[in-house]
Amino acid sequence: AQTSRRRTDEQWLSDLSAYGHRAADAQSDLLDALRHGLHRALRPRGIDEASIDDFAQEAAVRVLGALSTYQGQSRFTTWAIAIAVRVAFTHM
């Protein structure tokens, strides 16, 4: 499902860089967004839910480590899902 809280790109960056509950909530929402994007991209290819979840977890770590490289040329979630798809394809 889509994240329950809509964020602007700036809010994503701020929330994911924060501490405590704010960061934890943003990280949970990021993982949901990655799962959703991967599900749309990979389920038609017959990829199971467990693999999608694994790819989303790995992608979340990569996205969090690459926040400083986000340039705003696309929506933050589009950028993050593109990273997740690359992670998945690398494993496939």
PDB file of N, CA and C in Angstrom:
ATOM      1  N   ALA A   1       0.840  -1.195   0.000  1.00  0.00           N
ATOM      2  CA  ALA A   1       0.000   0.000   0.000  1.00  0.00           C
ATOM      3  C   ALA A   1       0.878   1.249   0.000  1.00  0.00           C
ATOM      4  N   GLN A   2       0.295   2.317  -0.433  1.00  0.00           N
ATOM      5  CA  GLN A   2       1.013   3.585  -0.444  1.00  0.00           C
ATOM      6  C   GLN A   2       1.278   4.029   0.994  1.00  0.00           C
ATOM      7  N   THR A   3       2.273   4.854   1.164  1.00  0.00           N
ATOM      8  CA  THR A   3       2.553   5.360   2.506  1.00  0.00           C
ATOM      9  C   THR A   3       1.374   6.197   2.960  1.00  0.00           C
ATOM     10  N   SER A   4       1.047   6.099   4.237  1.00  0.00           N
ATOM     11  CA  SER A   4      -0.114   6.805   4.763  1.00  0.00           C
ATOM     12  C   SER A   4       0.146   8.302   4.848  1.00  0.00           C
ATOM     13  N   ARG A   5       1.398   8.673   4.935  1.00  0.00           N
ATOM     14  CA  ARG A   5       1.747  10.080   5.093  1.00  0.00           C
ATOM     15  C   ARG A   5       2.446  10.566   3.830  1.00  0.00           C
ATOM     16  N   ARG A   6       1.870  11.567   3.196  1.00  0.00           N
ATOM     17  CA  ARG A   6       2.494  12.144   2.007  1.00  0.00           C
ATOM     18  C   ARG A   6       3.574  13.114   2.442  1.00  0.00           C
ATOM     19  N   ARG A   7       4.736  12.975   1.860  1.00  0.00           N
ATOM     20  CA  ARG A   7       5.852  13.865   2.174  1.00  0.00           C
ATOM     21  C   ARG A   7       6.331  14.527   0.898  1.00  0.00           C
ATOM     22  N   THR A   8       6.823  15.740   1.059  1.00  0.00           N
ATOM     23  CA  THR A   8       7.543  16.368  -0.042  1.00  0.00           C
ATOM     24  C   THR A   8       8.936  15.753  -0.065  1.00  0.00           C
ATOM     25  N   ASP A   9       9.672  15.991  -1.132  1.00  0.00           N
ATOM     26  CA  ASP A   9      11.049  15.491  -1.199  1.00  0.00           C
ATOM     27  C   ASP A   9      11.868  16.012  -0.024  1.00  0.00           C
ATOM     28  N   GLU A  10      11.695  17.289   0.296  1.00  0.00           N
ATOM     29  CA  GLU A  10      12.442  17.892   1.408  1.00  0.00           C
ATOM     30  C   GLU A  10      12.066  17.250   2.734  1.00  0.00           C
ATOM     31  N   GLN A  11      10.779  16.923   2.911  1.00  0.00           N
ATOM     32  CA  GLN A  11      10.350  16.267   4.147  1.00  0.00           C
ATOM     33  C   GLN A  11      10.941  14.863   4.260  1.00  0.00           C
ATOM     34  N   TRP A  12      10.988  14.126   3.142  1.00  0.00           N
ATOM     35  CA  TRP A  12      11.626  12.809   3.168  1.00  0.00           C
ATOM     36  C   TRP A  12      13.055  12.936   3.672  1.00  0.00           C
ATOM     37  N   LEU A  13      13.825  13.842   3.075  1.00  0.00           N
ATOM     38  CA  LEU A  13      15.236  13.994   3.453  1.00  0.00           C
ATOM     39  C   LEU A  13      15.378  14.403   4.909  1.00  0.00           C
ATOM     40  N   SER A  14      14.562  15.340   5.331  1.00  0.00           N
ATOM     41  CA  SER A  14      14.611  15.820   6.711  1.00  0.00           C
ATOM     42  C   SER A  14      14.218  14.718   7.691  1.00  0.00           C
ATOM     43  N   ASP A  15      13.116  14.032   7.405  1.00  0.00           N
ATOM     44  CA  ASP A  15      12.627  12.995   8.311  1.00  0.00           C
ATOM     45  C   ASP A  15      13.593  11.807   8.388  1.00  0.00           C
ATOM     46  N   LEU A  16      14.131  11.396   7.242  1.00  0.00           N
ATOM     47  CA  LEU A  16      15.055  10.264   7.243  1.00  0.00           C
ATOM     48  C   LEU A  16      16.381  10.608   7.901  1.00  0.00           C
ATOM     49  N   SER A  17      16.719  11.885   7.960  1.00  0.00           N
ATOM     50  CA  SER A  17      17.968  12.322   8.591  1.00  0.00           C
ATOM     51  C   SER A  17      17.777  12.662  10.063  1.00  0.00           C
ATOM     52  N   ALA A  18      16.542  12.595  10.543  1.00  0.00           N
ATOM     53  CA  ALA A  18      16.228  12.959  11.922  1.00  0.00           C
ATOM     54  C   ALA A  18      16.596  11.812  12.869  1.00  0.00           C
ATOM     55  N   TYR A  19      16.191  11.956  14.122  1.00  0.00           N
ATOM     56  CA  TYR A  19      16.438  10.945  15.142  1.00  0.00           C
ATOM     57  C   TYR A  19      15.115  10.548  15.775  1.00  0.00           C
ATOM     58  N   GLY A  20      15.123   9.426  16.448  1.00  0.00           N
ATOM     59  CA  GLY A  20      13.963   9.010  17.231  1.00  0.00           C
ATOM     60  C   GLY A  20      12.789   8.557  16.393  1.00  0.00           C
ATOM     61  N   HIS A  21      11.595   8.834  16.924  1.00  0.00           N
ATOM     62  CA  HIS A  21      10.360   8.372  16.294  1.00  0.00           C
ATOM     63  C   HIS A  21      10.182   8.932  14.893  1.00  0.00           C
ATOM     64  N   ARG A  22      10.594  10.168  14.685  1.00  0.00           N
ATOM     65  CA  ARG A  22      10.435  10.793  13.366  1.00  0.00           C
ATOM     66  C   ARG A  22      11.202  10.005  12.301  1.00  0.00           C
ATOM     67  N   ALA A  23      12.435   9.645  12.596  1.00  0.00           N
ATOM     68  CA  ALA A  23      13.241   8.868  11.657  1.00  0.00           C
ATOM     69  C   ALA A  23      12.684   7.458  11.511  1.00  0.00           C
ATOM     70  N   ALA A  24      12.283   6.855  12.614  1.00  0.00           N
ATOM     71  CA  ALA A  24      11.744   5.487  12.563  1.00  0.00           C
ATOM     72  C   ALA A  24      10.473   5.440  11.717  1.00  0.00           C
ATOM     73  N   ASP A  25       9.603   6.425  11.881  1.00  0.00           N
ATOM     74  CA  ASP A  25       8.379   6.486  11.074  1.00  0.00           C
ATOM     75  C   ASP A  25       8.714   6.653   9.597  1.00  0.00           C
ATOM     76  N   ALA A  26       9.662   7.529   9.302  1.00  0.00           N
ATOM     77  CA  ALA A  26      10.052   7.773   7.905  1.00  0.00           C
ATOM     78  C   ALA A  26      10.688   6.525   7.301  1.00  0.00           C
ATOM     79  N   GLN A  27      11.508   5.828   8.078  1.00  0.00           N
ATOM     80  CA  GLN A  27      12.141   4.613   7.575  1.00  0.00           C
ATOM     81  C   GLN A  27      11.103   3.532   7.301  1.00  0.00           C
ATOM     82  N   SER A  28      10.115   3.427   8.166  1.00  0.00           N
ATOM     83  CA  SER A  28       9.033   2.467   7.957  1.00  0.00           C
ATOM     84  C   SER A  28       8.248   2.813   6.692  1.00  0.00           C
ATOM     85  N   ASP A  29       7.957   4.107   6.507  1.00  0.00           N
ATOM     86  CA  ASP A  29       7.240   4.549   5.315  1.00  0.00           C
ATOM     87  C   ASP A  29       8.075   4.324   4.058  1.00  0.00           C
ATOM     88  N   LEU A  30       9.385   4.539   4.156  1.00  0.00           N
ATOM     89  CA  LEU A  30      10.276   4.290   3.021  1.00  0.00           C
ATOM     90  C   LEU A  30      10.231   2.810   2.644  1.00  0.00           C
ATOM     91  N   LEU A  31      10.319   1.942   3.619  1.00  0.00           N
ATOM     92  CA  LEU A  31      10.281   0.507   3.356  1.00  0.00           C
ATOM     93  C   LEU A  31       8.953   0.127   2.691  1.00  0.00           C
ATOM     94  N   ASP A  32       7.853   0.703   3.159  1.00  0.00           N
ATOM     95  CA  ASP A  32       6.542   0.450   2.537  1.00  0.00           C
ATOM     96  C   ASP A  32       6.534   0.910   1.081  1.00  0.00           C
ATOM     97  N   ALA A  33       7.090   2.091   0.833  1.00  0.00           N
ATOM     98  CA  ALA A  33       7.125   2.621  -0.538  1.00  0.00           C
ATOM     99  C   ALA A  33       7.990   1.741  -1.437  1.00  0.00           C
ATOM    100  N   LEU A  34       9.115   1.268  -0.918  1.00  0.00           N
ATOM    101  CA  LEU A  34       9.993   0.401  -1.698  1.00  0.00           C
ATOM    102  C   LEU A  34       9.311  -0.927  -2.000  1.00  0.00           C
ATOM    103  N   ARG A  35       8.651  -1.502  -0.997  1.00  0.00           N
ATOM    104  CA  ARG A  35       7.925  -2.760  -1.220  1.00  0.00           C
ATOM    105  C   ARG A  35       6.851  -2.575  -2.292  1.00  0.00           C
ATOM    106  N   HIS A  36       6.120  -1.478  -2.186  1.00  0.00           N
ATOM    107  CA  HIS A  36       5.055  -1.201  -3.152  1.00  0.00           C
ATOM    108  C   HIS A  36       5.624  -1.076  -4.565  1.00  0.00           C
ATOM    109  N   GLY A  37       6.688  -0.313  -4.714  1.00  0.00           N
ATOM    110  CA  GLY A  37       7.300  -0.124  -6.019  1.00  0.00           C
ATOM    111  C   GLY A  37       7.865  -1.421  -6.578  1.00  0.00           C
ATOM    112  N   LEU A  38       8.510  -2.199  -5.729  1.00  0.00           N
ATOM    113  CA  LEU A  38       9.066  -3.477  -6.171  1.00  0.00           C
ATOM    114  C   LEU A  38       7.961  -4.470  -6.518  1.00  0.00           C
ATOM    115  N   HIS A  39       6.908  -4.447  -5.748  1.00  0.00           N
ATOM    116  CA  HIS A  39       5.784  -5.332  -6.032  1.00  0.00           C
ATOM    117  C   HIS A  39       5.230  -5.049  -7.427  1.00  0.00           C
ATOM    118  N   ARG A  40       5.051  -3.782  -7.736  1.00  0.00           N
ATOM    119  CA  ARG A  40       4.543  -3.409  -9.059  1.00  0.00           C
ATOM    120  C   ARG A  40       5.508  -3.809 -10.170  1.00  0.00           C
ATOM    121  N   ALA A  41       6.809  -3.683  -9.897  1.00  0.00           N
ATOM    122  CA  ALA A  41       7.814  -3.973 -10.926  1.00  0.00           C
ATOM    123  C   ALA A  41       8.093  -5.468 -11.081  1.00  0.00           C
ATOM    124  N   LEU A  42       8.006  -6.224  -9.985  1.00  0.00           N
ATOM    125  CA  LEU A  42       8.506  -7.593 -10.005  1.00  0.00           C
ATOM    126  C   LEU A  42       7.443  -8.689  -9.963  1.00  0.00           C
ATOM    127  N   ARG A  43       6.288  -8.430  -9.401  1.00  0.00           N
ATOM    128  CA  ARG A  43       5.274  -9.486  -9.318  1.00  0.00           C
ATOM    129  C   ARG A  43       4.895 -10.025 -10.697  1.00  0.00           C
ATOM    130  N   PRO A  44       4.760  -9.166 -11.715  1.00  0.00           N
ATOM    131  CA  PRO A  44       4.448  -9.716 -13.044  1.00  0.00           C
ATOM    132  C   PRO A  44       5.533 -10.666 -13.554  1.00  0.00           C
ATOM    133  N   ARG A  45       6.725 -10.579 -12.992  1.00  0.00           N
ATOM    134  CA  ARG A  45       7.833 -11.459 -13.384  1.00  0.00           C
ATOM    135  C   ARG A  45       7.874 -12.727 -12.532  1.00  0.00           C
ATOM    136  N   GLY A  46       6.891 -12.874 -11.656  1.00  0.00           N
ATOM    137  CA  GLY A  46       6.812 -14.074 -10.838  1.00  0.00           C
ATOM    138  C   GLY A  46       7.713 -14.077  -9.622  1.00  0.00           C
ATOM    139  N   ILE A  47       8.183 -12.919  -9.192  1.00  0.00           N
ATOM    140  CA  ILE A  47       9.058 -12.846  -8.013  1.00  0.00           C
ATOM    141  C   ILE A  47       8.194 -12.925  -6.755  1.00  0.00           C
ATOM    142  N   ASP A  48       8.588 -13.787  -5.823  1.00  0.00           N
ATOM    143  CA  ASP A  48       7.774 -14.015  -4.619  1.00  0.00           C
ATOM    144  C   ASP A  48       7.920 -12.873  -3.610  1.00  0.00           C
ATOM    145  N   GLU A  49       6.960 -12.838  -2.693  1.00  0.00           N
ATOM    146  CA  GLU A  49       6.908 -11.767  -1.687  1.00  0.00           C
ATOM    147  C   GLU A  49       8.149 -11.749  -0.793  1.00  0.00           C
ATOM    148  N   ALA A  50       8.661 -12.904  -0.439  1.00  0.00           N
ATOM    149  CA  ALA A  50       9.846 -12.949   0.435  1.00  0.00           C
ATOM    150  C   ALA A  50      11.041 -12.295  -0.247  1.00  0.00           C
ATOM    151  N   SER A  51      11.212 -12.561  -1.529  1.00  0.00           N
ATOM    152  CA  SER A  51      12.319 -11.930  -2.260  1.00  0.00           C
ATOM    153  C   SER A  51      12.109 -10.430  -2.377  1.00  0.00           C
ATOM    154  N   ILE A  52      10.881 -10.023  -2.653  1.00  0.00           N
ATOM    155  CA  ILE A  52      10.576  -8.586  -2.738  1.00  0.00           C
ATOM    156  C   ILE A  52      10.904  -7.910  -1.414  1.00  0.00           C
ATOM    157  N   ASP A  53      10.552  -8.556  -0.310  1.00  0.00           N
ATOM    158  CA  ASP A  53      10.848  -7.985   1.004  1.00  0.00           C
ATOM    159  C   ASP A  53      12.354  -7.889   1.232  1.00  0.00           C
ATOM    160  N   ASP A  54      13.090  -8.931   0.857  1.00  0.00           N
ATOM    161  CA  ASP A  54      14.550  -8.898   0.994  1.00  0.00           C
ATOM    162  C   ASP A  54      15.154  -7.767   0.163  1.00  0.00           C
ATOM    163  N   PHE A  55      14.699  -7.622  -1.079  1.00  0.00           N
ATOM    164  CA  PHE A  55      15.205  -6.555  -1.947  1.00  0.00           C
ATOM    165  C   PHE A  55      14.887  -5.181  -1.352  1.00  0.00           C
ATOM    166  N   ALA A  56      13.681  -5.040  -0.803  1.00  0.00           N
ATOM    167  CA  ALA A  56      13.281  -3.759  -0.209  1.00  0.00           C
ATOM    168  C   ALA A  56      14.155  -3.420   0.995  1.00  0.00           C
ATOM    169  N   GLN A  57      14.440  -4.426   1.820  1.00  0.00           N
ATOM    170  CA  GLN A  57      15.298  -4.198   3.000  1.00  0.00           C
ATOM    171  C   GLN A  57      16.692  -3.731   2.573  1.00  0.00           C
ATOM    172  N   GLU A  58      17.270  -4.427   1.610  1.00  0.00           N
ATOM    173  CA  GLU A  58      18.612  -4.056   1.143  1.00  0.00           C
ATOM    174  C   GLU A  58      18.588  -2.670   0.506  1.00  0.00           C
ATOM    175  N   ALA A  59      17.554  -2.402  -0.278  1.00  0.00           N
ATOM    176  CA  ALA A  59      17.453  -1.101  -0.941  1.00  0.00           C
ATOM    177  C   ALA A  59      17.293   0.026   0.074  1.00  0.00           C
ATOM    178  N   ALA A  60      16.549  -0.212   1.137  1.00  0.00           N
ATOM    179  CA  ALA A  60      16.373   0.820   2.165  1.00  0.00           C
ATOM    180  C   ALA A  60      17.717   1.212   2.765  1.00  0.00           C
ATOM    181  N   VAL A  61      18.552   0.225   3.027  1.00  0.00           N
ATOM    182  CA  VAL A  61      19.895   0.506   3.570  1.00  0.00           C
ATOM    183  C   VAL A  61      20.689   1.341   2.568  1.00  0.00           C
ATOM    184  N   ARG A  62      20.615   0.956   1.298  1.00  0.00           N
ATOM    185  CA  ARG A  62      21.354   1.709   0.263  1.00  0.00           C
ATOM    186  C   ARG A  62      20.829   3.130   0.123  1.00  0.00           C
ATOM    187  N   VAL A  63      19.506   3.290   0.127  1.00  0.00           N
ATOM    188  CA  VAL A  63      18.915   4.626   0.008  1.00  0.00           C
ATOM    189  C   VAL A  63      19.351   5.499   1.181  1.00  0.00           C
ATOM    190  N   LEU A  64      19.273   4.960   2.388  1.00  0.00           N
ATOM    191  CA  LEU A  64      19.663   5.736   3.567  1.00  0.00           C
ATOM    192  C   LEU A  64      21.137   6.124   3.499  1.00  0.00           C
ATOM    193  N   GLY A  65      21.968   5.258   2.952  1.00  0.00           N
ATOM    194  CA  GLY A  65      23.383   5.565   2.814  1.00  0.00           C
ATOM    195  C   GLY A  65      23.689   6.536   1.689  1.00  0.00           C
ATOM    196  N   ALA A  66      22.730   6.726   0.797  1.00  0.00           N
ATOM    197  CA  ALA A  66      22.955   7.580  -0.377  1.00  0.00           C
ATOM    198  C   ALA A  66      22.136   8.868  -0.345  1.00  0.00           C
ATOM    199  N   LEU A  67      21.551   9.212   0.787  1.00  0.00           N
ATOM    200  CA  LEU A  67      20.696  10.412   0.852  1.00  0.00           C
ATOM    201  C   LEU A  67      21.408  11.656   0.331  1.00  0.00           C
ATOM    202  N   SER A  68      22.691  11.768   0.619  1.00  0.00           N
ATOM    203  CA  SER A  68      23.425  12.976   0.210  1.00  0.00           C
ATOM    204  C   SER A  68      23.605  13.052  -1.303  1.00  0.00           C
ATOM    205  N   THR A  69      23.368  11.953  -2.010  1.00  0.00           N
ATOM    206  CA  THR A  69      23.533  11.967  -3.466  1.00  0.00           C
ATOM    207  C   THR A  69      22.235  12.306  -4.199  1.00  0.00           C
ATOM    208  N   TYR A  70      21.124  12.361  -3.463  1.00  0.00           N
ATOM    209  CA  TYR A  70      19.835  12.692  -4.098  1.00  0.00           C
ATOM    210  C   TYR A  70      19.888  14.126  -4.609  1.00  0.00           C
ATOM    211  N   GLN A  71      19.610  14.300  -5.903  1.00  0.00           N
ATOM    212  CA  GLN A  71      19.735  15.618  -6.535  1.00  0.00           C
ATOM    213  C   GLN A  71      18.412  16.284  -6.866  1.00  0.00           C
ATOM    214  N   GLY A  72      17.301  15.602  -6.605  1.00  0.00           N
ATOM    215  CA  GLY A  72      15.999  16.213  -6.828  1.00  0.00           C
ATOM    216  C   GLY A  72      15.558  16.260  -8.277  1.00  0.00           C
ATOM    217  N   GLN A  73      16.169  15.460  -9.143  1.00  0.00           N
ATOM    218  CA  GLN A  73      15.781  15.465 -10.556  1.00  0.00           C
ATOM    219  C   GLN A  73      14.497  14.673 -10.794  1.00  0.00           C
ATOM    220  N   SER A  74      14.110  13.868  -9.809  1.00  0.00           N
ATOM    221  CA  SER A  74      12.830  13.166  -9.833  1.00  0.00           C
ATOM    222  C   SER A  74      12.302  13.179  -8.402  1.00  0.00           C
ATOM    223  N   ARG A  75      11.067  12.717  -8.219  1.00  0.00           N
ATOM    224  CA  ARG A  75      10.544  12.638  -6.856  1.00  0.00           C
ATOM    225  C   ARG A  75      11.429  11.706  -6.038  1.00  0.00           C
ATOM    226  N   PHE A  76      11.528  11.964  -4.757  1.00  0.00           N
ATOM    227  CA  PHE A  76      12.378  11.155  -3.888  1.00  0.00           C
ATOM    228  C   PHE A  76      11.993   9.680  -3.959  1.00  0.00           C
ATOM    229  N   THR A  77      10.692   9.394  -3.903  1.00  0.00           N
ATOM    230  CA  THR A  77      10.278   7.991  -3.925  1.00  0.00           C
ATOM    231  C   THR A  77      10.596   7.332  -5.266  1.00  0.00           C
ATOM    232  N   THR A  78      10.524   8.073  -6.355  1.00  0.00           N
ATOM    233  CA  THR A  78      10.890   7.531  -7.667  1.00  0.00           C
ATOM    234  C   THR A  78      12.364   7.167  -7.680  1.00  0.00           C
ATOM    235  N   TRP A  79      13.186   8.054  -7.150  1.00  0.00           N
ATOM    236  CA  TRP A  79      14.627   7.814  -7.050  1.00  0.00           C
ATOM    237  C   TRP A  79      14.907   6.580  -6.188  1.00  0.00           C
ATOM    238  N   ALA A  80      14.242   6.493  -5.039  1.00  0.00           N
ATOM    239  CA  ALA A  80      14.467   5.384  -4.116  1.00  0.00           C
ATOM    240  C   ALA A  80      14.021   4.056  -4.739  1.00  0.00           C
ATOM    241  N   ILE A  81      12.891   4.055  -5.430  1.00  0.00           N
ATOM    242  CA  ILE A  81      12.403   2.826  -6.056  1.00  0.00           C
ATOM    243  C   ILE A  81      13.331   2.409  -7.193  1.00  0.00           C
ATOM    244  N   ALA A  82      13.898   3.366  -7.906  1.00  0.00           N
ATOM    245  CA  ALA A  82      14.868   3.024  -8.961  1.00  0.00           C
ATOM    246  C   ALA A  82      16.074   2.302  -8.361  1.00  0.00           C
ATOM    247  N   ILE A  83      16.517   2.740  -7.199  1.00  0.00           N
ATOM    248  CA  ILE A  83      17.609   2.048  -6.510  1.00  0.00           C
ATOM    249  C   ILE A  83      17.169   0.634  -6.145  1.00  0.00           C
ATOM    250  N   ALA A  84      15.951   0.506  -5.646  1.00  0.00           N
ATOM    251  CA  ALA A  84      15.433  -0.810  -5.253  1.00  0.00           C
ATOM    252  C   ALA A  84      15.351  -1.764  -6.448  1.00  0.00           C
ATOM    253  N   VAL A  85      14.920  -1.262  -7.582  1.00  0.00           N
ATOM    254  CA  VAL A  85      14.821  -2.101  -8.779  1.00  0.00           C
ATOM    255  C   VAL A  85      16.217  -2.546  -9.226  1.00  0.00           C
ATOM    256  N   ARG A  86      17.186  -1.637  -9.143  1.00  0.00           N
ATOM    257  CA  ARG A  86      18.567  -2.020  -9.488  1.00  0.00           C
ATOM    258  C   ARG A  86      19.092  -3.098  -8.528  1.00  0.00           C
ATOM    259  N   VAL A  87      18.786  -2.972  -7.254  1.00  0.00           N
ATOM    260  CA  VAL A  87      19.180  -3.994  -6.271  1.00  0.00           C
ATOM    261  C   VAL A  87      18.557  -5.330  -6.661  1.00  0.00           C
ATOM    262  N   ALA A  88      17.275  -5.324  -6.971  1.00  0.00           N
ATOM    263  CA  ALA A  88      16.582  -6.566  -7.323  1.00  0.00           C
ATOM    264  C   ALA A  88      17.181  -7.204  -8.574  1.00  0.00           C
ATOM    265  N   PHE A  89      17.395  -6.390  -9.613  1.00  0.00           N
ATOM    266  CA  PHE A  89      17.928  -6.932 -10.855  1.00  0.00           C
ATOM    267  C   PHE A  89      19.344  -7.469 -10.675  1.00  0.00           C
ATOM    268  N   THR A  90      20.111  -6.853  -9.806  1.00  0.00           N
ATOM    269  CA  THR A  90      21.462  -7.342  -9.522  1.00  0.00           C
ATOM    270  C   THR A  90      21.389  -8.758  -8.927  1.00  0.00           C
ATOM    271  N   HIS A  91      20.415  -8.993  -8.067  1.00  0.00           N
ATOM    272  CA  HIS A  91      20.268 -10.301  -7.445  1.00  0.00           C
ATOM    273  C   HIS A  91      19.627 -11.329  -8.364  1.00  0.00           C
ATOM    274  N   MET A  92      18.881 -10.873  -9.322  1.00  0.00           N
ATOM    275  CA  MET A  92      18.214 -11.789 -10.244  1.00  0.00           C
ATOM    276  C   MET A  92      19.165 -12.171 -11.346  1.00  0.00           C
TER     277      MET A  92
END
